[in-house]
Amino acid sequence: MTPRIAYLHARDVIKSYWPEGEGVIKTDSYWAYKYARDVVKGRWSEAEETIISDPEWACWYARDVVEGRWPEAEETIKSDSYWACWYAINVIRGRWPEGEEAIKTNPELVYLYQKMF
């Protein structure tokens, strides 16, 4: 079974937690994020290690599940210029000095970041 199928089964068929499928869901950062957001409807600590490994899904998880800064993921997020900028704009909603080193490697993001803040 794939993480996608396990997630869809939990969300659409069982319409609740599905412990038997969680092992496979938490192997994929995207589906783990979706499961936390749509099924758990909150933080899913068992999958956070996987989600943290991907800057994109760590950002979405911070915004939609944690609903604010997620310090444990910030090291990963600031490793990617795009997601560092996105995190500053959409999660922190202000300057993020820790992510500025990554952001300044991309002139388009520097412009956007400076315009926003």
Protein backbone atom coordinates (compact mmCIF):
# COMPACT_ATOMS: atom_id res chain seq x y z
CA MET A 1 0.00 0.00 0.00
CA THR A 2 1.26 3.49 -0.83
CA PRO A 3 1.16 6.47 1.53
CA ARG A 4 -1.40 8.10 -0.77
CA ILE A 5 -3.77 5.13 -0.69
CA ALA A 6 -3.40 4.76 3.09
CA TYR A 7 -4.16 8.47 3.57
CA LEU A 8 -7.19 8.35 1.26
CA HIS A 9 -8.48 5.24 3.03
CA ALA A 10 -8.21 6.96 6.42
CA ARG A 11 -9.76 10.21 5.22
CA ASP A 12 -12.49 8.92 2.92
CA VAL A 13 -13.37 5.42 4.07
CA ILE A 14 -12.64 5.23 7.78
CA LYS A 15 -13.05 9.00 8.25
CA SER A 16 -10.80 8.82 11.29
CA TYR A 17 -7.40 7.75 12.54
CA TRP A 18 -6.19 4.56 10.94
CA PRO A 19 -3.34 3.15 13.06
CA GLU A 20 -2.78 0.26 10.63
CA GLY A 21 -1.98 2.73 7.82
CA GLU A 22 0.00 5.26 9.79
CA GLY A 23 3.28 3.40 9.41
CA VAL A 24 3.23 3.81 5.66
CA ILE A 25 1.74 7.33 5.69
CA LYS A 26 4.50 8.68 7.90
CA THR A 27 7.19 7.58 5.42
CA ASP A 28 6.23 10.40 3.04
CA SER A 29 6.40 14.05 4.14
CA TYR A 30 3.55 15.21 1.89
CA TRP A 31 1.07 12.51 2.91
CA ALA A 32 2.12 12.79 6.56
CA TYR A 33 1.37 16.52 6.44
CA LYS A 34 -2.01 15.85 4.80
CA TYR A 35 -2.88 13.15 7.37
CA ALA A 36 -1.99 15.49 10.26
CA ARG A 37 -4.01 18.33 8.75
CA ASP A 38 -7.05 16.42 7.51
CA VAL A 39 -7.36 13.35 9.75
CA VAL A 40 -5.52 14.04 13.00
CA LYS A 41 -6.48 17.72 12.76
CA GLY A 42 -3.46 18.65 14.80
CA ARG A 43 0.15 17.83 15.40
CA TRP A 44 1.15 14.27 14.63
CA SER A 45 4.38 13.84 16.58
CA GLU A 46 5.05 10.36 15.19
CA ALA A 47 5.51 11.83 11.69
CA GLU A 48 7.23 15.11 12.50
CA GLU A 49 10.70 13.68 11.89
CA THR A 50 9.68 12.86 8.32
CA ILE A 51 7.90 16.17 7.74
CA ILE A 52 10.85 18.13 9.13
CA SER A 53 13.15 16.59 6.52
CA ASP A 54 11.40 18.47 3.68
CA PRO A 55 11.50 22.30 3.74
CA GLU A 56 8.29 22.64 1.71
CA TRP A 57 6.10 20.39 3.83
CA ALA A 58 7.69 21.65 7.02
CA CYS A 59 6.50 25.13 6.02
CA TRP A 60 2.98 23.98 5.25
CA TYR A 61 2.87 21.96 8.48
CA ALA A 62 4.00 24.99 10.47
CA ARG A 63 1.33 27.19 8.90
CA ASP A 64 -1.60 24.77 8.80
CA VAL A 65 -1.00 22.36 11.68
CA VAL A 66 1.29 24.04 14.20
CA GLU A 67 -0.33 27.37 13.28
CA GLY A 68 2.82 29.33 13.94
CA ARG A 69 6.55 29.06 14.14
CA TRP A 70 7.94 25.57 14.31
CA PRO A 71 11.44 26.04 15.76
CA GLU A 72 12.36 22.36 15.38
CA ALA A 73 12.00 22.69 11.59
CA GLU A 74 13.65 26.04 11.07
CA GLU A 75 17.11 24.60 10.40
CA THR A 76 15.70 22.62 7.47
CA ILE A 77 13.52 25.47 6.24
CA LYS A 78 16.36 27.97 6.14
CA SER A 79 18.38 25.58 3.97
CA ASP A 80 16.16 26.49 0.99
CA SER A 81 15.93 30.10 -0.20
CA TYR A 82 12.38 29.86 -1.54
CA TRP A 83 10.93 28.14 1.53
CA ALA A 84 12.84 30.41 3.90
CA CYS A 85 11.20 33.40 2.23
CA TRP A 86 7.80 31.68 2.18
CA TYR A 87 8.09 30.84 5.89
CA ALA A 88 8.95 34.44 6.77
CA ILE A 89 5.97 35.76 4.79
CA ASN A 90 3.34 33.13 5.60
CA VAL A 91 4.26 31.84 9.06
CA ILE A 92 6.36 34.43 10.85
CA ARG A 93 4.70 37.32 8.98
CA GLY A 94 7.75 39.43 9.45
CA ARG A 95 11.50 39.51 9.10
CA TRP A 96 13.28 36.28 9.82
CA PRO A 97 16.97 37.12 10.31
CA GLU A 98 17.89 33.43 10.64
CA GLY A 99 16.62 32.75 7.12
CA GLU A 100 18.02 35.84 5.44
CA GLU A 101 21.33 34.18 4.55
CA ALA A 102 19.48 31.70 2.34
CA ILE A 103 17.04 34.27 0.98
CA LYS A 104 19.81 36.58 -0.20
CA THR A 105 21.13 33.90 -2.56
CA ASN A 106 18.13 34.54 -4.85
CA PRO A 107 17.76 38.12 -6.18
CA GLU A 108 14.03 37.72 -6.91
CA LEU A 109 13.39 36.57 -3.37
CA VAL A 110 15.51 39.39 -1.97
CA TYR A 111 13.29 41.85 -3.83
CA LEU A 112 10.09 40.20 -2.57
CA TYR A 113 11.38 39.89 0.99
CA GLN A 114 12.53 43.51 1.10
CA LYS A 115 9.26 44.70 -0.39
CA MET A 116 7.27 42.77 2.23
CA PHE A 117 9.39 43.84 5.19
